[in-house]
Amino acid sequence: MLFLKDPITFILFLPVMLFSLSFHECAHALSAYWRGDDTASLMGRVTLNPLKHIDPLGLVAFFVIGLGWAKPVPINPNRMRNIRWDPALVGFSGPASNILLCAVFALSLRLLWPWIQGSDPDMRVILIKFFTLGAWLNAALAFFNLVPVPPLDGSHLIAAFLPNWALARYERFARFGLLFILLFLAFGRYLGILIGVPSYLLLRLFWGSELMSALQAYQMF
């Protein structure tokens, strides 16, 4: 993920980050509603309004360590049609929404690249930063949330596939999930491998080797 190196990057990053987090949480709330649970809907979480989703501490974390979080969307599995699989689908909807946004940002840059190259130099840098920030941020959010450690979204996915005896042990482990996440964040090198490698591979798929090389020349990552 890009570091916030200058005021322009900060100005571009803030709205992209707020929209990406809101899109992620709205996807959770909407998918839960589709599966029969209107808990989040009644709390006004089926919206792209960032004021409904932003967690102040998670917002600060974005600017301190480069990765943060929003307020979790409340769900009630007992109100869903399938108590085992629907929470997994709701959990996956968040990372899936970020992969969708990553594709939009990345493929837009690839499609517009010839036009961007011919634009004014200052505008060229702004556009490249905007699309690159959006692509990298959403790739990082997707793979970070897919880590199978509670309370991240990946924990709901793995829980759906565990047999009952293993699920009971996994739920006991969930009490220490936040501690594991904090340890990951403290050791950024391992987090970089866990999130950075799949993010790089996903963006290479969207951009191709030629555009990746061109962006490296612009020191975009």
C-alpha atoms as a PDB file:
ATOM      1  CA  MET A   1       0.000   0.000   0.000  1.00  0.00           C
ATOM      2  CA  LEU A   2       1.160   3.517  -0.726  1.00  0.00           C
ATOM      3  CA  PHE A   3       2.388   5.696   2.123  1.00  0.00           C
ATOM      4  CA  LEU A   4       0.991   9.170   2.499  1.00  0.00           C
ATOM      5  CA  LYS A   5       4.023  11.012   1.163  1.00  0.00           C
ATOM      6  CA  ASP A   6       2.637  14.463   0.399  1.00  0.00           C
ATOM      7  CA  PRO A   7      -0.473  16.671   0.728  1.00  0.00           C
ATOM      8  CA  ILE A   8      -1.818  15.643  -2.695  1.00  0.00           C
ATOM      9  CA  THR A   9      -1.633  11.976  -1.767  1.00  0.00           C
ATOM     10  CA  PHE A  10      -3.401  12.707   1.518  1.00  0.00           C
ATOM     11  CA  ILE A  11      -6.181  14.672  -0.215  1.00  0.00           C
ATOM     12  CA  LEU A  12      -6.707  11.845  -2.708  1.00  0.00           C
ATOM     13  CA  PHE A  13      -6.449   9.092  -0.127  1.00  0.00           C
ATOM     14  CA  LEU A  14      -9.048  10.408   2.322  1.00  0.00           C
ATOM     15  CA  PRO A  15     -12.167  10.255   0.098  1.00  0.00           C
ATOM     16  CA  VAL A  16     -11.059   6.973  -1.489  1.00  0.00           C
ATOM     17  CA  MET A  17     -10.552   5.421   1.942  1.00  0.00           C
ATOM     18  CA  LEU A  18     -13.879   6.699   3.324  1.00  0.00           C
ATOM     19  CA  PHE A  19     -15.782   5.461   0.273  1.00  0.00           C
ATOM     20  CA  SER A  20     -14.022   2.065   0.252  1.00  0.00           C
ATOM     21  CA  LEU A  21     -14.764   1.424   3.931  1.00  0.00           C
ATOM     22  CA  SER A  22     -18.387   2.550   3.520  1.00  0.00           C
ATOM     23  CA  PHE A  23     -18.818   0.345   0.441  1.00  0.00           C
ATOM     24  CA  HIS A  24     -17.400  -2.623   2.379  1.00  0.00           C
ATOM     25  CA  GLU A  25     -19.715  -2.179   5.372  1.00  0.00           C
ATOM     26  CA  CYS A  26     -22.744  -1.409   3.218  1.00  0.00           C
ATOM     27  CA  ALA A  27     -22.106  -4.689   1.373  1.00  0.00           C
ATOM     28  CA  HIS A  28     -22.244  -6.555   4.696  1.00  0.00           C
ATOM     29  CA  ALA A  29     -25.464  -4.835   5.735  1.00  0.00           C
ATOM     30  CA  LEU A  30     -27.141  -5.324   2.364  1.00  0.00           C
ATOM     31  CA  SER A  31     -26.182  -8.993   2.048  1.00  0.00           C
ATOM     32  CA  ALA A  32     -27.436  -9.640   5.593  1.00  0.00           C
ATOM     33  CA  TYR A  33     -30.750  -8.001   4.661  1.00  0.00           C
ATOM     34  CA  TRP A  34     -30.998 -10.189   1.548  1.00  0.00           C
ATOM     35  CA  ARG A  35     -30.435 -13.275   3.715  1.00  0.00           C
ATOM     36  CA  GLY A  36     -33.284 -12.315   6.070  1.00  0.00           C
ATOM     37  CA  ASP A  37     -31.545 -10.301   8.816  1.00  0.00           C
ATOM     38  CA  ASP A  38     -32.641  -6.662   8.939  1.00  0.00           C
ATOM     39  CA  THR A  39     -30.640  -5.797  12.112  1.00  0.00           C
ATOM     40  CA  ALA A  40     -28.102  -3.621  10.292  1.00  0.00           C
ATOM     41  CA  SER A  41     -30.761  -2.184   7.986  1.00  0.00           C
ATOM     42  CA  LEU A  42     -32.813  -0.950  10.949  1.00  0.00           C
ATOM     43  CA  MET A  43     -29.664   0.769  12.270  1.00  0.00           C
ATOM     44  CA  GLY A  44     -29.239   2.661   8.999  1.00  0.00           C
ATOM     45  CA  ARG A  45     -26.152   0.745   7.854  1.00  0.00           C
ATOM     46  CA  VAL A  46     -27.410   0.052   4.309  1.00  0.00           C
ATOM     47  CA  THR A  47     -25.878   3.306   3.130  1.00  0.00           C
ATOM     48  CA  LEU A  48     -22.676   4.714   1.646  1.00  0.00           C
ATOM     49  CA  ASN A  49     -22.715   7.587   4.144  1.00  0.00           C
ATOM     50  CA  PRO A  50     -19.316   7.263   5.898  1.00  0.00           C
ATOM     51  CA  LEU A  51     -20.680   8.854   9.082  1.00  0.00           C
ATOM     52  CA  LYS A  52     -22.691   5.659   9.647  1.00  0.00           C
ATOM     53  CA  HIS A  53     -19.655   3.397   9.315  1.00  0.00           C
ATOM     54  CA  ILE A  54     -16.450   5.119  10.397  1.00  0.00           C
ATOM     55  CA  ASP A  55     -14.754   4.095  13.628  1.00  0.00           C
ATOM     56  CA  PRO A  56     -12.622   7.017  14.934  1.00  0.00           C
ATOM     57  CA  LEU A  57      -9.840   4.722  16.187  1.00  0.00           C
ATOM     58  CA  GLY A  58      -9.806   2.783  12.928  1.00  0.00           C
ATOM     59  CA  LEU A  59      -9.617   6.066  11.018  1.00  0.00           C
ATOM     60  CA  VAL A  60      -6.577   7.159  13.027  1.00  0.00           C
ATOM     61  CA  ALA A  61      -4.964   3.755  12.425  1.00  0.00           C
ATOM     62  CA  PHE A  62      -5.120   4.337   8.664  1.00  0.00           C
ATOM     63  CA  PHE A  63      -2.840   7.337   8.982  1.00  0.00           C
ATOM     64  CA  VAL A  64      -0.550   5.817  11.600  1.00  0.00           C
ATOM     65  CA  ILE A  65       0.042   2.297  10.244  1.00  0.00           C
ATOM     66  CA  GLY A  66      -1.553   2.503   6.778  1.00  0.00           C
ATOM     67  CA  LEU A  67      -4.406   0.104   7.540  1.00  0.00           C
ATOM     68  CA  GLY A  68      -7.553   0.583   9.597  1.00  0.00           C
ATOM     69  CA  TRP A  69     -11.155  -0.458  10.047  1.00  0.00           C
ATOM     70  CA  ALA A  70     -14.758   0.719  10.286  1.00  0.00           C
ATOM     71  CA  LYS A  71     -17.490  -0.082  12.796  1.00  0.00           C
ATOM     72  CA  PRO A  72     -18.514  -3.754  12.453  1.00  0.00           C
ATOM     73  CA  VAL A  73     -21.956  -4.347  10.986  1.00  0.00           C
ATOM     74  CA  PRO A  74     -24.162  -6.115  13.572  1.00  0.00           C
ATOM     75  CA  ILE A  75     -25.755  -9.336  12.361  1.00  0.00           C
ATOM     76  CA  ASN A  76     -28.081 -11.890  13.923  1.00  0.00           C
ATOM     77  CA  PRO A  77     -27.481 -15.340  12.377  1.00  0.00           C
ATOM     78  CA  ASN A  78     -30.668 -16.639  14.011  1.00  0.00           C
ATOM     79  CA  ARG A  79     -32.692 -14.413  11.702  1.00  0.00           C
ATOM     80  CA  MET A  80     -30.975 -15.665   8.555  1.00  0.00           C
ATOM     81  CA  ARG A  81     -32.312 -18.389   6.281  1.00  0.00           C
ATOM     82  CA  ASN A  82     -29.287 -20.646   6.800  1.00  0.00           C
ATOM     83  CA  ILE A  83     -27.615 -20.187  10.173  1.00  0.00           C
ATOM     84  CA  ARG A  84     -24.390 -21.897   9.063  1.00  0.00           C
ATOM     85  CA  TRP A  85     -23.745 -20.618   5.548  1.00  0.00           C
ATOM     86  CA  ASP A  86     -25.425 -17.209   5.482  1.00  0.00           C
ATOM     87  CA  PRO A  87     -23.013 -15.603   7.998  1.00  0.00           C
ATOM     88  CA  ALA A  88     -20.171 -16.798   5.767  1.00  0.00           C
ATOM     89  CA  LEU A  89     -21.814 -15.219   2.718  1.00  0.00           C
ATOM     90  CA  VAL A  90     -22.326 -11.974   4.626  1.00  0.00           C
ATOM     91  CA  GLY A  91     -18.717 -12.088   5.782  1.00  0.00           C
ATOM     92  CA  PHE A  92     -17.406 -12.677   2.269  1.00  0.00           C
ATOM     93  CA  SER A  93     -19.484  -9.848   0.807  1.00  0.00           C
ATOM     94  CA  GLY A  94     -17.171  -7.254   2.406  1.00  0.00           C
ATOM     95  CA  PRO A  95     -13.871  -8.450   0.859  1.00  0.00           C
ATOM     96  CA  ALA A  96     -15.727  -9.202  -2.389  1.00  0.00           C
ATOM     97  CA  SER A  97     -16.903  -5.581  -2.533  1.00  0.00           C
ATOM     98  CA  ASN A  98     -13.301  -4.390  -2.139  1.00  0.00           C
ATOM     99  CA  ILE A  99     -12.100  -6.722  -4.886  1.00  0.00           C
ATOM    100  CA  LEU A 100     -14.832  -5.244  -7.093  1.00  0.00           C
ATOM    101  CA  LEU A 101     -13.674  -1.696  -6.295  1.00  0.00           C
ATOM    102  CA  CYS A 102     -10.059  -2.740  -6.849  1.00  0.00           C
ATOM    103  CA  ALA A 103     -11.013  -3.985 -10.304  1.00  0.00           C
ATOM    104  CA  VAL A 104     -12.847  -0.723 -11.079  1.00  0.00           C
ATOM    105  CA  PHE A 105      -9.864   1.457 -10.079  1.00  0.00           C
ATOM    106  CA  ALA A 106      -7.246  -0.798 -11.676  1.00  0.00           C
ATOM    107  CA  LEU A 107      -9.031  -1.433 -14.962  1.00  0.00           C
ATOM    108  CA  SER A 108     -10.015   2.245 -15.264  1.00  0.00           C
ATOM    109  CA  LEU A 109      -6.342   3.162 -15.050  1.00  0.00           C
ATOM    110  CA  ARG A 110      -5.459   0.540 -17.648  1.00  0.00           C
ATOM    111  CA  LEU A 111      -8.226   1.706 -19.992  1.00  0.00           C
ATOM    112  CA  LEU A 112      -7.383   5.400 -19.601  1.00  0.00           C
ATOM    113  CA  TRP A 113      -3.602   4.959 -19.611  1.00  0.00           C
ATOM    114  CA  PRO A 114      -3.019   6.204 -23.202  1.00  0.00           C
ATOM    115  CA  TRP A 115      -5.101   9.331 -22.518  1.00  0.00           C
ATOM    116  CA  ILE A 116      -3.451   9.910 -19.121  1.00  0.00           C
ATOM    117  CA  GLN A 117       0.001   9.704 -20.705  1.00  0.00           C
ATOM    118  CA  GLY A 118      -0.923  12.524 -23.067  1.00  0.00           C
ATOM    119  CA  SER A 119      -2.410  14.791 -20.400  1.00  0.00           C
ATOM    120  CA  ASP A 120      -0.876  17.732 -18.553  1.00  0.00           C
ATOM    121  CA  PRO A 121       2.077  16.509 -16.379  1.00  0.00           C
ATOM    122  CA  ASP A 122       0.530  17.648 -13.086  1.00  0.00           C
ATOM    123  CA  MET A 123      -2.853  16.163 -13.951  1.00  0.00           C
ATOM    124  CA  ARG A 124      -1.116  12.965 -15.064  1.00  0.00           C
ATOM    125  CA  VAL A 125       0.469  12.483 -11.651  1.00  0.00           C
ATOM    126  CA  ILE A 126      -2.822  13.183  -9.850  1.00  0.00           C
ATOM    127  CA  LEU A 127      -4.778  10.705 -11.969  1.00  0.00           C
ATOM    128  CA  ILE A 128      -2.152   7.985 -11.616  1.00  0.00           C
ATOM    129  CA  LYS A 129      -2.059   8.472  -7.850  1.00  0.00           C
ATOM    130  CA  PHE A 130      -5.856   8.444  -7.587  1.00  0.00           C
ATOM    131  CA  PHE A 131      -6.378   5.202  -9.470  1.00  0.00           C
ATOM    132  CA  THR A 132      -3.324   3.513  -7.942  1.00  0.00           C
ATOM    133  CA  LEU A 133      -4.353   4.464  -4.407  1.00  0.00           C
ATOM    134  CA  GLY A 134      -7.860   3.139  -4.985  1.00  0.00           C
ATOM    135  CA  ALA A 135      -6.615  -0.144  -6.430  1.00  0.00           C
ATOM    136  CA  TRP A 136      -3.967  -0.777  -3.766  1.00  0.00           C
ATOM    137  CA  LEU A 137      -6.171   0.245  -0.847  1.00  0.00           C
ATOM    138  CA  ASN A 138      -9.050  -2.010  -1.859  1.00  0.00           C
ATOM    139  CA  ALA A 139      -6.764  -4.960  -2.575  1.00  0.00           C
ATOM    140  CA  ALA A 140      -5.207  -4.523   0.888  1.00  0.00           C
ATOM    141  CA  LEU A 141      -8.626  -4.217   2.570  1.00  0.00           C
ATOM    142  CA  ALA A 142      -9.875  -7.359   0.826  1.00  0.00           C
ATOM    143  CA  PHE A 143      -6.950  -9.586   1.786  1.00  0.00           C
ATOM    144  CA  PHE A 144      -6.627  -8.148   5.296  1.00  0.00           C
ATOM    145  CA  ASN A 145     -10.272  -8.930   5.995  1.00  0.00           C
ATOM    146  CA  LEU A 146      -9.910 -12.448   4.569  1.00  0.00           C
ATOM    147  CA  VAL A 147      -7.398 -13.360   7.289  1.00  0.00           C
ATOM    148  CA  PRO A 148      -9.241 -16.137   9.227  1.00  0.00           C
ATOM    149  CA  VAL A 149      -8.818 -14.512  12.635  1.00  0.00           C
ATOM    150  CA  PRO A 150     -11.847 -13.184  14.543  1.00  0.00           C
ATOM    151  CA  PRO A 151     -13.342 -10.646  14.242  1.00  0.00           C
ATOM    152  CA  LEU A 152     -12.173 -10.334  10.608  1.00  0.00           C
ATOM    153  CA  ASP A 153     -14.441 -11.525   7.802  1.00  0.00           C
ATOM    154  CA  GLY A 154     -12.287 -14.541   7.052  1.00  0.00           C
ATOM    155  CA  SER A 155     -13.239 -16.029  10.419  1.00  0.00           C
ATOM    156  CA  HIS A 156     -16.868 -16.371   9.256  1.00  0.00           C
ATOM    157  CA  LEU A 157     -15.732 -18.178   6.122  1.00  0.00           C
ATOM    158  CA  ILE A 158     -13.592 -20.732   7.899  1.00  0.00           C
ATOM    159  CA  ALA A 159     -16.234 -21.270  10.593  1.00  0.00           C
ATOM    160  CA  ALA A 160     -18.745 -22.382   7.954  1.00  0.00           C
ATOM    161  CA  PHE A 161     -16.474 -25.228   6.820  1.00  0.00           C
ATOM    162  CA  LEU A 162     -15.396 -26.507  10.238  1.00  0.00           C
ATOM    163  CA  PRO A 163     -17.045 -29.606  11.751  1.00  0.00           C
ATOM    164  CA  ASN A 164     -18.914 -28.972  14.985  1.00  0.00           C
ATOM    165  CA  TRP A 165     -16.151 -30.284  17.253  1.00  0.00           C
ATOM    166  CA  ALA A 166     -13.559 -28.022  15.590  1.00  0.00           C
ATOM    167  CA  LEU A 167     -15.960 -25.073  15.509  1.00  0.00           C
ATOM    168  CA  ALA A 168     -16.320 -25.170  19.302  1.00  0.00           C
ATOM    169  CA  ARG A 169     -12.532 -24.941  19.693  1.00  0.00           C
ATOM    170  CA  TYR A 170     -12.314 -22.205  17.085  1.00  0.00           C
ATOM    171  CA  GLU A 171     -14.926 -20.139  18.933  1.00  0.00           C
ATOM    172  CA  ARG A 172     -12.837 -20.388  22.116  1.00  0.00           C
ATOM    173  CA  PHE A 173      -9.850 -19.149  20.113  1.00  0.00           C
ATOM    174  CA  ALA A 174     -11.979 -16.193  18.931  1.00  0.00           C
ATOM    175  CA  ARG A 175     -11.574 -14.543  22.337  1.00  0.00           C
ATOM    176  CA  PHE A 176      -7.911 -13.944  21.511  1.00  0.00           C
ATOM    177  CA  GLY A 177      -8.473 -12.897  17.894  1.00  0.00           C
ATOM    178  CA  LEU A 178      -7.934  -9.188  18.484  1.00  0.00           C
ATOM    179  CA  LEU A 179      -4.630  -9.934  20.224  1.00  0.00           C
ATOM    180  CA  PHE A 180      -3.407 -11.846  17.166  1.00  0.00           C
ATOM    181  CA  ILE A 181      -4.411  -8.974  14.891  1.00  0.00           C
ATOM    182  CA  LEU A 182      -2.514  -6.488  17.051  1.00  0.00           C
ATOM    183  CA  LEU A 183       0.546  -8.742  16.922  1.00  0.00           C
ATOM    184  CA  PHE A 184       0.297  -8.865  13.124  1.00  0.00           C
ATOM    185  CA  LEU A 185       0.066  -5.087  12.984  1.00  0.00           C
ATOM    186  CA  ALA A 186       3.039  -4.758  15.327  1.00  0.00           C
ATOM    187  CA  PHE A 187       5.172  -6.923  13.049  1.00  0.00           C
ATOM    188  CA  GLY A 188       4.544  -5.145   9.766  1.00  0.00           C
ATOM    189  CA  ARG A 189       6.977  -7.348   7.851  1.00  0.00           C
ATOM    190  CA  TYR A 190       4.731 -10.400   8.228  1.00  0.00           C
ATOM    191  CA  LEU A 191       1.611  -8.378   7.519  1.00  0.00           C
ATOM    192  CA  GLY A 192       3.302  -7.106   4.361  1.00  0.00           C
ATOM    193  CA  ILE A 193       3.795 -10.675   3.169  1.00  0.00           C
ATOM    194  CA  LEU A 194       0.309 -11.794   4.138  1.00  0.00           C
ATOM    195  CA  ILE A 195      -1.428  -8.877   2.425  1.00  0.00           C
ATOM    196  CA  GLY A 196       1.154  -7.365   0.084  1.00  0.00           C
ATOM    197  CA  VAL A 197       1.937 -10.493  -1.932  1.00  0.00           C
ATOM    198  CA  PRO A 198      -1.663 -11.424  -2.890  1.00  0.00           C
ATOM    199  CA  SER A 199      -2.450  -7.724  -3.473  1.00  0.00           C
ATOM    200  CA  TYR A 200       0.509  -7.438  -5.851  1.00  0.00           C
ATOM    201  CA  LEU A 201      -0.553 -10.581  -7.732  1.00  0.00           C
ATOM    202  CA  LEU A 202      -4.144  -9.360  -8.052  1.00  0.00           C
ATOM    203  CA  LEU A 203      -3.044  -5.981  -9.402  1.00  0.00           C
ATOM    204  CA  ARG A 204      -0.606  -7.612 -11.773  1.00  0.00           C
ATOM    205  CA  LEU A 205      -3.558  -9.616 -13.103  1.00  0.00           C
ATOM    206  CA  PHE A 206      -5.585  -6.429 -13.666  1.00  0.00           C
ATOM    207  CA  TRP A 207      -2.741  -4.238 -14.949  1.00  0.00           C
ATOM    208  CA  GLY A 208      -0.439  -6.620 -16.776  1.00  0.00           C
ATOM    209  CA  SER A 209       3.347  -6.585 -16.607  1.00  0.00           C
ATOM    210  CA  GLU A 210       3.771  -3.596 -18.958  1.00  0.00           C
ATOM    211  CA  LEU A 211       1.604  -1.207 -16.915  1.00  0.00           C
ATOM    212  CA  MET A 212       3.088  -2.502 -13.663  1.00  0.00           C
ATOM    213  CA  SER A 213       6.550  -1.601 -14.938  1.00  0.00           C
ATOM    214  CA  ALA A 214       5.356   1.852 -16.000  1.00  0.00           C
ATOM    215  CA  LEU A 215       3.868   2.487 -12.539  1.00  0.00           C
ATOM    216  CA  GLN A 216       7.088   1.404 -10.890  1.00  0.00           C
ATOM    217  CA  ALA A 217       8.833   4.059 -12.961  1.00  0.00           C
ATOM    218  CA  TYR A 218       6.442   6.611 -11.420  1.00  0.00           C
ATOM    219  CA  GLN A 219       7.352   5.185  -7.970  1.00  0.00           C
ATOM    220  CA  MET A 220       3.738   4.354  -7.263  1.00  0.00           C
ATOM    221  CA  PHE A 221       4.756   1.329  -5.149  1.00  0.00           C
END
